[in-house]
């Protein structure tokens, strides 16, 4: 376990990160349960325990991780993992499972937006959140010119100690322990689906596919959260790639903005390790050191049809060495992804142009959402042509087209020809121009 002050700092940071008000309460099992009569509190069926009742009423679980990650060796803690990542998540898709830990010393590169509202002399705890949280949306990037919530999340989580995440990568449910062996039996059997008392009390199997499933989910959550940090620090990525591949994660959203060590070789290893279970795949390669050799492995996997559940794909190749021809091949492979209906393309300052857009045009009839960012002499008119074609072919398509320079005459003429069917940044630019005039 961890010192009480570390526990308090973690919950204070969690409350700060999510901008929770004073009406929000935390249910803490160690304090809520009568420790002198724990057996009565927990009962004979884990699904009827006080913890599970409280967890179902909550919006999520915040797991406080000690410095040695001992919590993941305890079966009741592992039951919480299962409840947060599988059992309750299946019933409430918005349910969150988040991991917080105390830092050995206050963070040196902390931003004001990350500092806890409690006086702990700086940021002394950090968490891995279930997606973007309130504080991430207030993070300023590029000297305040724009706000990227995902960049805020990446920056905030960058302080999470890699060594604690690495310990979680060795998590094995089958090796978890309990003070009372009967508790261990009941929890493991409960995870396996047992309901009757006689089945819950039985000796559970040493290994089971459901154990491996939970192992993969937890390891994958840590590998996903720490992946960009591991790349930036030049760490060996074998264990992270292995954890991702076996994770069964449904959402992968990785941001490698300006990470020079995200090379084509590194991205190739990642591409081969993406789980086929993904529904949402986000890959931000802005200003990464990737070229035409980066995309073929992912292209090959997409073309094979193995990503049967993928619905949303977001990829940003801003200022990379990826050519129009290579990107066109990648786009062509999307035709083999049966459920793909939402596409987000970041093409700013890239060489992507007419060839890729002509291929992409064949996907238009099946898309629900198309978001494009095309800044550059070749890219801007090519994207404008595509969007114009898209809204003419697909009347239900929601299209968003962003340009860095609305004065690009060819793009303006193309978009003006299709009226208000496309959302652009033109209205924002006009407002800014008016402000400047004043």
Foldseek 3Di string as FASTA:
>chain_A
DAPVVFVVLFVLLVCLQQVPDPVDDDDDCVPVADPVPNCVQCDLANCPHPVVVVQLVDLEAEAEAEPQSCLLQALVSLLNLCVHQPVSCVVPVSYWYKYKYFAPDADPPDDPLSFGPDPPPHRGMAMQTPDFHDSLQVDADDVNPDGDSVVSNLVRLLPPDVVSLVSLLPRFSLNHDYPDVQVSQQSVQVLVPDDDSVSSRDRDDSDDVSRLQSSLQRNQSSLLSCVLSCQLVVHDCPSSLQSQQSNLDQEHADANAQRASCELVVLLSNLVSHYLNHQEEHEECANYAYALSNQPSNLVVLLVLSNANHAEYAYAQHPYHYAQVSLLSSLLSPVSHVRHAYYHYHQHNHNHAQSNLVSNLVVLQRHAEYEYEAEDDRGQLRVLVSVLSSCVNHVNHAYEYEYPDCPPVNSVVSNVVNPPSYHYCVVVVVVVVVVVVD
